[in-house]
Amino acid sequence: MTVTGIGNDAVYANGYKNTRNVNGKANKAYGSAREYGNYLIQKYDCLRNTDYPVTISGSLLQKAAGDEKTAKWLEYNLALMPGCIEKEKAAVEARGAKIISCQCVINGYDSMTSYICTTDDPDGTFAKENAEKRAKEKKEAEEKKAEEKLAEKKQVERRAEQEEQEESRQSVFEARA
């Protein structure tokens, strides 16, 4: 540990300010939210995890850097985060679904939000069945359309035959007369 400065009942070491509170216990206060954020990133895996990113709002980070109570609350919740995510995954998988993406945002003191996107078709069965059904319906519609065109063509041919027969009858009557 390198001491970088001493002043007003505080010892600055490694960029952090170690102070003594009323009870004589050591209290870490951080010079900036960035320093505190870097400390949290090194300490908690959930802040480095890409499967379920955890984001802390800048205002909360700034408050926690200077307020021990907020810092304790934040670190306590960051320690709980991996277990909470695992429980959520288990709950989603228990109903036969799969988590596509998950993100946790710690907005403020006592305020957290989780965004979880799931699918009820983890192996693609429903999507495959729906695609097959749509293809079958499309094929049936095309066949029906082709049958209608064929029927219409036959009807036109029958009319033409009837007109020919009528003309031949007319010519036979005219020839007799």
N, C-alpha and C. Protein backbone atom coordinates (compact mmCIF):
# COMPACT_ATOMS: atom_id res chain seq x y z
N MET A 1 0.85 -1.17 0.00
CA MET A 1 0.00 0.00 0.00
C MET A 1 0.89 1.23 0.00
N THR A 2 0.67 2.11 -0.93
CA THR A 2 1.43 3.35 -1.00
C THR A 2 0.61 4.50 -0.44
N VAL A 3 1.21 5.23 0.43
CA VAL A 3 0.55 6.39 1.01
C VAL A 3 0.83 7.57 0.10
N THR A 4 -0.23 8.19 -0.38
CA THR A 4 -0.06 9.30 -1.31
C THR A 4 -0.32 10.65 -0.66
N GLY A 5 -0.87 10.66 0.55
CA GLY A 5 -1.09 11.92 1.23
C GLY A 5 -1.80 11.73 2.55
N ILE A 6 -1.63 12.67 3.47
CA ILE A 6 -2.28 12.61 4.77
C ILE A 6 -2.87 13.98 5.05
N GLY A 7 -4.08 14.01 5.57
CA GLY A 7 -4.67 15.31 5.90
C GLY A 7 -6.04 15.17 6.52
N ASN A 8 -6.35 16.02 7.51
CA ASN A 8 -7.66 16.06 8.17
C ASN A 8 -8.13 14.69 8.63
N ASP A 9 -7.35 13.99 9.41
CA ASP A 9 -7.70 12.69 9.97
C ASP A 9 -7.97 11.65 8.87
N ALA A 10 -7.29 11.75 7.73
CA ALA A 10 -7.48 10.80 6.65
C ALA A 10 -6.14 10.42 6.06
N VAL A 11 -6.03 9.19 5.63
CA VAL A 11 -4.84 8.71 4.96
C VAL A 11 -5.26 8.29 3.56
N TYR A 12 -4.64 8.86 2.53
CA TYR A 12 -4.95 8.51 1.16
C TYR A 12 -3.99 7.41 0.71
N ALA A 13 -4.54 6.28 0.33
CA ALA A 13 -3.70 5.17 -0.11
C ALA A 13 -4.31 4.57 -1.37
N ASN A 14 -3.50 4.33 -2.36
CA ASN A 14 -3.94 3.75 -3.62
C ASN A 14 -5.15 4.47 -4.22
N GLY A 15 -5.24 5.75 -4.05
CA GLY A 15 -6.33 6.52 -4.62
C GLY A 15 -7.58 6.53 -3.77
N TYR A 16 -7.62 5.76 -2.69
CA TYR A 16 -8.78 5.71 -1.82
C TYR A 16 -8.49 6.47 -0.54
N LYS A 17 -9.50 7.04 0.04
CA LYS A 17 -9.34 7.81 1.26
C LYS A 17 -9.83 6.94 2.43
N ASN A 18 -8.92 6.54 3.29
CA ASN A 18 -9.29 5.77 4.48
C ASN A 18 -9.50 6.73 5.63
N THR A 19 -10.68 6.74 6.20
CA THR A 19 -10.99 7.64 7.31
C THR A 19 -11.41 6.82 8.51
N ARG A 20 -11.47 7.44 9.65
CA ARG A 20 -11.96 6.79 10.87
C ARG A 20 -13.31 7.42 11.21
N ASN A 21 -14.30 6.57 11.45
CA ASN A 21 -15.59 7.13 11.83
C ASN A 21 -15.68 7.24 13.35
N VAL A 22 -16.84 7.57 13.85
CA VAL A 22 -17.01 7.84 15.28
C VAL A 22 -16.67 6.64 16.14
N ASN A 23 -16.99 5.43 15.69
CA ASN A 23 -16.74 4.23 16.47
C ASN A 23 -15.30 3.76 16.38
N GLY A 24 -14.50 4.40 15.59
CA GLY A 24 -13.11 4.02 15.45
C GLY A 24 -12.89 2.97 14.37
N LYS A 25 -13.95 2.58 13.63
CA LYS A 25 -13.81 1.58 12.56
C LYS A 25 -13.33 2.28 11.29
N ALA A 26 -12.59 1.53 10.48
CA ALA A 26 -12.10 2.11 9.23
C ALA A 26 -13.26 2.27 8.26
N ASN A 27 -13.28 3.35 7.52
CA ASN A 27 -14.31 3.63 6.54
C ASN A 27 -13.61 4.04 5.24
N LYS A 28 -13.98 3.39 4.14
CA LYS A 28 -13.37 3.74 2.86
C LYS A 28 -14.26 4.75 2.16
N ALA A 29 -13.72 5.84 1.79
CA ALA A 29 -14.42 6.81 0.96
C ALA A 29 -13.60 6.93 -0.32
N TYR A 30 -14.25 6.97 -1.45
CA TYR A 30 -13.55 6.98 -2.71
C TYR A 30 -13.52 8.40 -3.27
N GLY A 31 -12.43 8.71 -3.93
CA GLY A 31 -12.25 10.05 -4.48
C GLY A 31 -13.28 10.41 -5.53
N SER A 32 -13.73 9.42 -6.33
CA SER A 32 -14.71 9.70 -7.38
C SER A 32 -15.54 8.45 -7.64
N ALA A 33 -16.62 8.66 -8.35
CA ALA A 33 -17.49 7.54 -8.73
C ALA A 33 -16.74 6.58 -9.65
N ARG A 34 -15.86 7.10 -10.47
CA ARG A 34 -15.08 6.26 -11.39
C ARG A 34 -14.19 5.31 -10.61
N GLU A 35 -13.50 5.82 -9.59
CA GLU A 35 -12.64 4.96 -8.76
C GLU A 35 -13.46 3.89 -8.07
N TYR A 36 -14.60 4.29 -7.54
CA TYR A 36 -15.46 3.33 -6.85
C TYR A 36 -16.01 2.30 -7.84
N GLY A 37 -16.38 2.76 -9.03
CA GLY A 37 -16.87 1.85 -10.07
C GLY A 37 -15.80 0.84 -10.47
N ASN A 38 -14.57 1.29 -10.61
CA ASN A 38 -13.47 0.38 -10.94
C ASN A 38 -13.26 -0.65 -9.84
N TYR A 39 -13.36 -0.20 -8.60
CA TYR A 39 -13.24 -1.11 -7.46
C TYR A 39 -14.34 -2.17 -7.51
N LEU A 40 -15.58 -1.76 -7.80
CA LEU A 40 -16.71 -2.70 -7.86
C LEU A 40 -16.53 -3.69 -9.01
N ILE A 41 -16.06 -3.21 -10.13
CA ILE A 41 -15.85 -4.09 -11.29
C ILE A 41 -14.82 -5.17 -10.98
N GLN A 42 -13.77 -4.78 -10.25
CA GLN A 42 -12.75 -5.77 -9.88
C GLN A 42 -13.29 -6.77 -8.87
N LYS A 43 -14.15 -6.33 -7.97
CA LYS A 43 -14.62 -7.17 -6.88
C LYS A 43 -15.79 -8.08 -7.27
N TYR A 44 -16.70 -7.63 -8.12
CA TYR A 44 -17.92 -8.39 -8.40
C TYR A 44 -17.95 -8.87 -9.84
N ASP A 45 -18.05 -10.20 -9.99
CA ASP A 45 -18.08 -10.81 -11.32
C ASP A 45 -19.30 -10.40 -12.13
N CYS A 46 -20.41 -10.13 -11.45
CA CYS A 46 -21.63 -9.80 -12.18
C CYS A 46 -21.49 -8.51 -12.99
N LEU A 47 -20.55 -7.66 -12.64
CA LEU A 47 -20.33 -6.43 -13.40
C LEU A 47 -19.46 -6.67 -14.63
N ARG A 48 -18.83 -7.83 -14.70
CA ARG A 48 -18.01 -8.19 -15.86
C ARG A 48 -18.69 -9.24 -16.73
N ASN A 49 -19.79 -9.79 -16.27
CA ASN A 49 -20.48 -10.87 -16.96
C ASN A 49 -21.19 -10.34 -18.20
N THR A 50 -21.04 -11.06 -19.32
CA THR A 50 -21.71 -10.66 -20.55
C THR A 50 -23.04 -11.38 -20.74
N ASP A 51 -23.28 -12.47 -20.00
CA ASP A 51 -24.54 -13.20 -20.12
C ASP A 51 -25.70 -12.40 -19.54
N TYR A 52 -25.48 -11.76 -18.45
CA TYR A 52 -26.49 -10.91 -17.83
C TYR A 52 -25.82 -9.64 -17.31
N PRO A 53 -25.68 -8.65 -18.17
CA PRO A 53 -25.00 -7.42 -17.76
C PRO A 53 -25.75 -6.70 -16.64
N VAL A 54 -25.00 -6.20 -15.69
CA VAL A 54 -25.54 -5.42 -14.58
C VAL A 54 -25.02 -4.00 -14.76
N THR A 55 -25.92 -3.04 -14.73
CA THR A 55 -25.57 -1.64 -14.91
C THR A 55 -25.97 -0.86 -13.67
N ILE A 56 -25.10 0.01 -13.24
CA ILE A 56 -25.37 0.86 -12.08
C ILE A 56 -25.48 2.29 -12.59
N SER A 57 -26.55 2.98 -12.20
CA SER A 57 -26.71 4.38 -12.65
C SER A 57 -25.59 5.24 -12.08
N GLY A 58 -25.22 6.25 -12.85
CA GLY A 58 -24.13 7.13 -12.44
C GLY A 58 -24.42 7.88 -11.15
N SER A 59 -25.67 8.29 -10.97
CA SER A 59 -26.02 9.03 -9.75
C SER A 59 -25.90 8.14 -8.52
N LEU A 60 -26.30 6.87 -8.64
CA LEU A 60 -26.17 5.95 -7.51
C LEU A 60 -24.70 5.69 -7.22
N LEU A 61 -23.92 5.51 -8.25
CA LEU A 61 -22.49 5.26 -8.07
C LEU A 61 -21.82 6.46 -7.39
N GLN A 62 -22.21 7.65 -7.78
CA GLN A 62 -21.67 8.87 -7.16
C GLN A 62 -22.07 8.93 -5.68
N LYS A 63 -23.32 8.60 -5.40
CA LYS A 63 -23.80 8.63 -4.02
C LYS A 63 -23.09 7.57 -3.18
N ALA A 64 -22.93 6.36 -3.74
CA ALA A 64 -22.29 5.27 -3.00
C ALA A 64 -20.81 5.54 -2.76
N ALA A 65 -20.18 6.28 -3.66
CA ALA A 65 -18.76 6.61 -3.49
C ALA A 65 -18.54 7.47 -2.25
N GLY A 66 -19.55 8.22 -1.85
CA GLY A 66 -19.39 9.10 -0.70
C GLY A 66 -20.20 8.71 0.52
N ASP A 67 -21.15 7.76 0.37
CA ASP A 67 -22.04 7.39 1.46
C ASP A 67 -21.87 5.92 1.80
N GLU A 68 -21.42 5.64 3.00
CA GLU A 68 -21.13 4.26 3.41
C GLU A 68 -22.38 3.39 3.40
N LYS A 69 -23.50 3.91 3.84
CA LYS A 69 -24.75 3.14 3.90
C LYS A 69 -25.17 2.71 2.49
N THR A 70 -25.14 3.63 1.55
CA THR A 70 -25.49 3.33 0.16
C THR A 70 -24.49 2.33 -0.43
N ALA A 71 -23.21 2.50 -0.12
CA ALA A 71 -22.19 1.60 -0.64
C ALA A 71 -22.42 0.18 -0.11
N LYS A 72 -22.74 0.05 1.17
CA LYS A 72 -23.01 -1.28 1.74
C LYS A 72 -24.22 -1.90 1.07
N TRP A 73 -25.28 -1.11 0.88
CA TRP A 73 -26.49 -1.62 0.22
C TRP A 73 -26.16 -2.09 -1.20
N LEU A 74 -25.41 -1.28 -1.92
CA LEU A 74 -25.06 -1.61 -3.30
C LEU A 74 -24.22 -2.87 -3.36
N GLU A 75 -23.20 -2.97 -2.53
CA GLU A 75 -22.32 -4.14 -2.55
C GLU A 75 -23.06 -5.39 -2.09
N TYR A 76 -23.96 -5.25 -1.15
CA TYR A 76 -24.77 -6.40 -0.70
C TYR A 76 -25.60 -6.93 -1.87
N ASN A 77 -26.23 -6.04 -2.59
CA ASN A 77 -27.07 -6.45 -3.73
C ASN A 77 -26.24 -6.98 -4.89
N LEU A 78 -25.07 -6.43 -5.12
CA LEU A 78 -24.20 -6.96 -6.16
C LEU A 78 -23.75 -8.38 -5.82
N ALA A 79 -23.54 -8.65 -4.54
CA ALA A 79 -23.15 -10.00 -4.11
C ALA A 79 -24.30 -10.99 -4.33
N LEU A 80 -25.54 -10.53 -4.21
CA LEU A 80 -26.71 -11.39 -4.38
C LEU A 80 -27.08 -11.62 -5.85
N MET A 81 -26.62 -10.76 -6.72
CA MET A 81 -27.05 -10.77 -8.12
C MET A 81 -26.86 -12.11 -8.84
N PRO A 82 -25.70 -12.79 -8.76
CA PRO A 82 -25.56 -14.06 -9.48
C PRO A 82 -26.57 -15.11 -9.02
N GLY A 83 -26.83 -15.19 -7.73
CA GLY A 83 -27.81 -16.14 -7.22
C GLY A 83 -29.22 -15.84 -7.71
N CYS A 84 -29.56 -14.55 -7.76
CA CYS A 84 -30.88 -14.15 -8.25
C CYS A 84 -31.05 -14.52 -9.72
N ILE A 85 -30.03 -14.31 -10.50
CA ILE A 85 -30.10 -14.64 -11.92
C ILE A 85 -30.25 -16.15 -12.11
N GLU A 86 -29.52 -16.93 -11.34
CA GLU A 86 -29.63 -18.39 -11.43
C GLU A 86 -31.04 -18.85 -11.06
N LYS A 87 -31.63 -18.24 -10.04
CA LYS A 87 -33.00 -18.59 -9.65
C LYS A 87 -33.98 -18.23 -10.76
N GLU A 88 -33.76 -17.10 -11.39
CA GLU A 88 -34.63 -16.68 -12.49
C GLU A 88 -34.50 -17.65 -13.67
N LYS A 89 -33.27 -18.05 -13.99
CA LYS A 89 -33.07 -19.02 -15.07
C LYS A 89 -33.79 -20.33 -14.76
N ALA A 90 -33.69 -20.79 -13.51
CA ALA A 90 -34.34 -22.04 -13.11
C ALA A 90 -35.85 -21.92 -13.23
N ALA A 91 -36.41 -20.78 -12.82
CA ALA A 91 -37.86 -20.58 -12.91
C ALA A 91 -38.33 -20.57 -14.36
N VAL A 92 -37.56 -19.93 -15.22
CA VAL A 92 -37.93 -19.87 -16.64
C VAL A 92 -37.83 -21.25 -17.27
N GLU A 93 -36.75 -21.97 -16.96
CA GLU A 93 -36.57 -23.31 -17.52
C GLU A 93 -37.60 -24.29 -16.98
N ALA A 94 -38.09 -24.07 -15.76
CA ALA A 94 -39.09 -24.97 -15.17
C ALA A 94 -40.40 -24.94 -15.96
N ARG A 95 -40.68 -23.83 -16.61
CA ARG A 95 -41.89 -23.76 -17.42
C ARG A 95 -41.63 -24.09 -18.88
N GLY A 96 -40.44 -24.61 -19.15
CA GLY A 96 -40.11 -25.07 -20.50
C GLY A 96 -39.65 -23.97 -21.43
N ALA A 97 -39.24 -22.85 -20.90
CA ALA A 97 -38.80 -21.74 -21.74
C ALA A 97 -37.29 -21.57 -21.62
N LYS A 98 -36.78 -20.57 -22.30
CA LYS A 98 -35.34 -20.30 -22.29
C LYS A 98 -35.13 -18.80 -22.27
N ILE A 99 -34.15 -18.34 -21.48
CA ILE A 99 -33.82 -16.92 -21.44
C ILE A 99 -32.99 -16.57 -22.67
N ILE A 100 -33.46 -15.60 -23.41
CA ILE A 100 -32.73 -15.13 -24.58
C ILE A 100 -31.74 -14.05 -24.14
N SER A 101 -32.22 -13.11 -23.34
CA SER A 101 -31.34 -12.08 -22.82
C SER A 101 -31.85 -11.60 -21.47
N CYS A 102 -30.91 -11.10 -20.67
CA CYS A 102 -31.26 -10.62 -19.33
C CYS A 102 -30.34 -9.46 -19.00
N GLN A 103 -30.90 -8.41 -18.45
CA GLN A 103 -30.11 -7.25 -18.05
C GLN A 103 -30.68 -6.71 -16.75
N CYS A 104 -29.81 -6.37 -15.82
CA CYS A 104 -30.22 -5.79 -14.55
C CYS A 104 -29.68 -4.36 -14.49
N VAL A 105 -30.54 -3.45 -14.07
CA VAL A 105 -30.15 -2.05 -13.94
C VAL A 105 -30.46 -1.63 -12.51
N ILE A 106 -29.42 -1.17 -11.82
CA ILE A 106 -29.60 -0.65 -10.48
C ILE A 106 -29.74 0.86 -10.64
N ASN A 107 -30.98 1.33 -10.52
CA ASN A 107 -31.31 2.72 -10.82
C ASN A 107 -30.97 3.68 -9.68
N GLY A 108 -31.26 3.27 -8.48
CA GLY A 108 -31.05 4.14 -7.34
C GLY A 108 -31.16 3.32 -6.07
N TYR A 109 -31.00 3.98 -4.95
CA TYR A 109 -31.07 3.29 -3.67
C TYR A 109 -32.45 2.67 -3.53
N ASP A 110 -32.50 1.37 -3.31
CA ASP A 110 -33.74 0.59 -3.23
C ASP A 110 -34.55 0.60 -4.53
N SER A 111 -33.90 0.72 -5.67
CA SER A 111 -34.60 0.72 -6.95
C SER A 111 -33.78 -0.05 -7.98
N MET A 112 -34.26 -1.24 -8.33
CA MET A 112 -33.59 -2.07 -9.33
C MET A 112 -34.61 -2.54 -10.37
N THR A 113 -34.17 -2.72 -11.60
CA THR A 113 -35.02 -3.18 -12.67
C THR A 113 -34.31 -4.31 -13.40
N SER A 114 -35.07 -5.36 -13.73
CA SER A 114 -34.53 -6.46 -14.53
C SER A 114 -35.33 -6.55 -15.82
N TYR A 115 -34.62 -6.69 -16.91
CA TYR A 115 -35.24 -6.88 -18.21
C TYR A 115 -34.88 -8.29 -18.66
N ILE A 116 -35.90 -9.13 -18.81
CA ILE A 116 -35.65 -10.52 -19.18
C ILE A 116 -36.49 -10.84 -20.41
N CYS A 117 -35.83 -11.31 -21.44
CA CYS A 117 -36.50 -11.72 -22.67
C CYS A 117 -36.41 -13.24 -22.76
N THR A 118 -37.57 -13.90 -22.86
CA THR A 118 -37.59 -15.36 -22.91
C THR A 118 -38.30 -15.84 -24.16
N THR A 119 -38.16 -17.11 -24.42
CA THR A 119 -38.90 -17.75 -25.50
C THR A 119 -39.52 -19.02 -24.94
N ASP A 120 -40.73 -19.30 -25.37
CA ASP A 120 -41.39 -20.53 -24.96
C ASP A 120 -41.09 -21.66 -25.93
N ASP A 121 -40.23 -21.41 -26.86
CA ASP A 121 -39.89 -22.38 -27.90
C ASP A 121 -38.37 -22.52 -27.97
N PRO A 122 -37.75 -23.07 -26.90
CA PRO A 122 -36.28 -23.09 -26.85
C PRO A 122 -35.63 -23.93 -27.94
N ASP A 123 -36.30 -24.99 -28.40
CA ASP A 123 -35.67 -25.82 -29.42
C ASP A 123 -36.20 -25.54 -30.82
N GLY A 124 -37.09 -24.58 -30.96
CA GLY A 124 -37.59 -24.19 -32.28
C GLY A 124 -38.73 -25.05 -32.79
N THR A 125 -39.30 -25.90 -31.95
CA THR A 125 -40.36 -26.80 -32.37
C THR A 125 -41.58 -26.04 -32.87
N PHE A 126 -42.03 -25.06 -32.10
CA PHE A 126 -43.22 -24.30 -32.49
C PHE A 126 -42.97 -23.52 -33.77
N ALA A 127 -41.81 -22.93 -33.86
CA ALA A 127 -41.48 -22.15 -35.06
C ALA A 127 -41.46 -23.06 -36.29
N LYS A 128 -40.89 -24.24 -36.12
CA LYS A 128 -40.83 -25.19 -37.24
C LYS A 128 -42.22 -25.64 -37.64
N GLU A 129 -43.06 -25.95 -36.64
CA GLU A 129 -44.43 -26.38 -36.92
C GLU A 129 -45.21 -25.26 -37.61
N ASN A 130 -45.05 -24.04 -37.13
CA ASN A 130 -45.75 -22.91 -37.75
C ASN A 130 -45.29 -22.68 -39.17
N ALA A 131 -44.00 -22.81 -39.42
CA ALA A 131 -43.47 -22.64 -40.77
C ALA A 131 -44.02 -23.73 -41.70
N GLU A 132 -44.06 -24.95 -41.19
CA GLU A 132 -44.61 -26.06 -41.99
C GLU A 132 -46.10 -25.83 -42.27
N LYS A 133 -46.83 -25.37 -41.27
CA LYS A 133 -48.26 -25.11 -41.43
C LYS A 133 -48.49 -24.02 -42.47
N ARG A 134 -47.71 -22.92 -42.38
CA ARG A 134 -47.84 -21.84 -43.36
C ARG A 134 -47.49 -22.32 -44.76
N ALA A 135 -46.46 -23.14 -44.89
CA ALA A 135 -46.08 -23.67 -46.20
C ALA A 135 -47.18 -24.56 -46.76
N LYS A 136 -47.77 -25.38 -45.90
CA LYS A 136 -48.86 -26.26 -46.32
C LYS A 136 -50.06 -25.45 -46.77
N GLU A 137 -50.42 -24.41 -45.98
CA GLU A 137 -51.55 -23.55 -46.34
C GLU A 137 -51.29 -22.83 -47.65
N LYS A 138 -50.06 -22.38 -47.84
CA LYS A 138 -49.71 -21.69 -49.09
C LYS A 138 -49.83 -22.64 -50.28
N LYS A 139 -49.34 -23.86 -50.10
CA LYS A 139 -49.41 -24.84 -51.17
C LYS A 139 -50.86 -25.17 -51.50
N GLU A 140 -51.69 -25.34 -50.45
CA GLU A 140 -53.10 -25.63 -50.67
C GLU A 140 -53.79 -24.47 -51.39
N ALA A 141 -53.46 -23.24 -51.02
CA ALA A 141 -54.05 -22.07 -51.67
C ALA A 141 -53.64 -22.02 -53.15
N GLU A 142 -52.38 -22.32 -53.43
CA GLU A 142 -51.92 -22.33 -54.82
C GLU A 142 -52.61 -23.42 -55.61
N GLU A 143 -52.78 -24.60 -55.00
CA GLU A 143 -53.47 -25.70 -55.68
C GLU A 143 -54.92 -25.33 -55.96
N LYS A 144 -55.57 -24.71 -54.97
CA LYS A 144 -56.97 -24.31 -55.13
C LYS A 144 -57.08 -23.29 -56.25
N LYS A 145 -56.15 -22.35 -56.30
CA LYS A 145 -56.15 -21.33 -57.35
C LYS A 145 -55.94 -21.97 -58.72
N ALA A 146 -55.03 -22.96 -58.79
CA ALA A 146 -54.78 -23.65 -60.05
C ALA A 146 -56.03 -24.42 -60.48
N GLU A 147 -56.72 -25.06 -59.51
CA GLU A 147 -57.95 -25.79 -59.83
C GLU A 147 -59.03 -24.84 -60.34
N GLU A 148 -59.14 -23.66 -59.71
CA GLU A 148 -60.13 -22.68 -60.16
C GLU A 148 -59.83 -22.20 -61.57
N LYS A 149 -58.54 -21.98 -61.86
CA LYS A 149 -58.17 -21.57 -63.22
C LYS A 149 -58.50 -22.66 -64.23
N LEU A 150 -58.22 -23.92 -63.85
CA LEU A 150 -58.52 -25.05 -64.73
C LEU A 150 -60.03 -25.16 -64.95
N ALA A 151 -60.80 -25.01 -63.89
CA ALA A 151 -62.26 -25.08 -64.01
C ALA A 151 -62.78 -23.94 -64.89
N GLU A 152 -62.19 -22.75 -64.72
CA GLU A 152 -62.60 -21.62 -65.53
C GLU A 152 -62.25 -21.86 -67.00
N LYS A 153 -61.08 -22.45 -67.23
CA LYS A 153 -60.67 -22.75 -68.61
C LYS A 153 -61.61 -23.77 -69.24
N LYS A 154 -61.99 -24.79 -68.47
CA LYS A 154 -62.92 -25.81 -68.99
C LYS A 154 -64.28 -25.18 -69.29
N GLN A 155 -64.71 -24.26 -68.43
CA GLN A 155 -65.99 -23.59 -68.65
C GLN A 155 -65.94 -22.77 -69.92
N VAL A 156 -64.83 -22.09 -70.17
CA VAL A 156 -64.68 -21.30 -71.40
C VAL A 156 -64.72 -22.22 -72.61
N GLU A 157 -64.05 -23.38 -72.50
CA GLU A 157 -64.05 -24.34 -73.61
C GLU A 157 -65.46 -24.88 -73.86
N ARG A 158 -66.22 -25.16 -72.80
CA ARG A 158 -67.60 -25.64 -72.97
C ARG A 158 -68.47 -24.60 -73.66
N ARG A 159 -68.31 -23.34 -73.26
CA ARG A 159 -69.07 -22.27 -73.90
C ARG A 159 -68.73 -22.18 -75.37
N ALA A 160 -67.45 -22.33 -75.66
CA ALA A 160 -67.02 -22.27 -77.06
C ALA A 160 -67.63 -23.43 -77.84
N GLU A 161 -67.64 -24.61 -77.23
CA GLU A 161 -68.24 -25.78 -77.90
C GLU A 161 -69.73 -25.56 -78.11
N GLN A 162 -70.38 -25.05 -77.08
CA GLN A 162 -71.83 -24.81 -77.19
C GLN A 162 -72.12 -23.79 -78.29
N GLU A 163 -71.30 -22.76 -78.36
CA GLU A 163 -71.49 -21.75 -79.40
C GLU A 163 -71.26 -22.37 -80.78
N GLU A 164 -70.26 -23.25 -80.90
CA GLU A 164 -70.01 -23.93 -82.19
C GLU A 164 -71.21 -24.80 -82.55
N GLN A 165 -71.71 -25.55 -81.57
CA GLN A 165 -72.86 -26.42 -81.83
C GLN A 165 -74.08 -25.58 -82.22
N GLU A 166 -74.26 -24.47 -81.57
CA GLU A 166 -75.39 -23.59 -81.89
C GLU A 166 -75.24 -23.03 -83.29
N GLU A 167 -74.03 -22.65 -83.65
CA GLU A 167 -73.78 -22.13 -84.99
C GLU A 167 -74.02 -23.21 -86.04
N SER A 168 -73.56 -24.44 -85.71
CA SER A 168 -73.77 -25.53 -86.68
C SER A 168 -75.25 -25.85 -86.82
N ARG A 169 -76.02 -25.76 -85.74
CA ARG A 169 -77.47 -25.98 -85.81
C ARG A 169 -78.11 -24.87 -86.64
N GLN A 170 -77.67 -23.64 -86.43
CA GLN A 170 -78.19 -22.53 -87.18
C GLN A 170 -77.92 -22.71 -88.68
N SER A 171 -76.70 -23.13 -88.96
CA SER A 171 -76.36 -23.33 -90.37
C SER A 171 -77.16 -24.48 -90.98
N VAL A 172 -77.46 -25.54 -90.19
CA VAL A 172 -78.26 -26.66 -90.68
C VAL A 172 -79.68 -26.18 -90.97
N PHE A 173 -80.25 -25.36 -90.06
CA PHE A 173 -81.60 -24.82 -90.26
C PHE A 173 -81.62 -23.91 -91.49
N GLU A 174 -80.59 -23.12 -91.64
CA GLU A 174 -80.56 -22.21 -92.76
C GLU A 174 -80.39 -22.97 -94.08
N ALA A 175 -79.65 -24.07 -94.00
CA ALA A 175 -79.45 -24.85 -95.20
C ALA A 175 -80.74 -25.56 -95.59
N ARG A 176 -81.57 -25.97 -94.68
CA ARG A 176 -82.83 -26.63 -94.96
C ARG A 176 -83.86 -25.62 -95.47
N ALA A 177 -83.71 -24.45 -95.06
CA ALA A 177 -84.72 -23.48 -95.47
C ALA A 177 -84.44 -22.89 -96.79
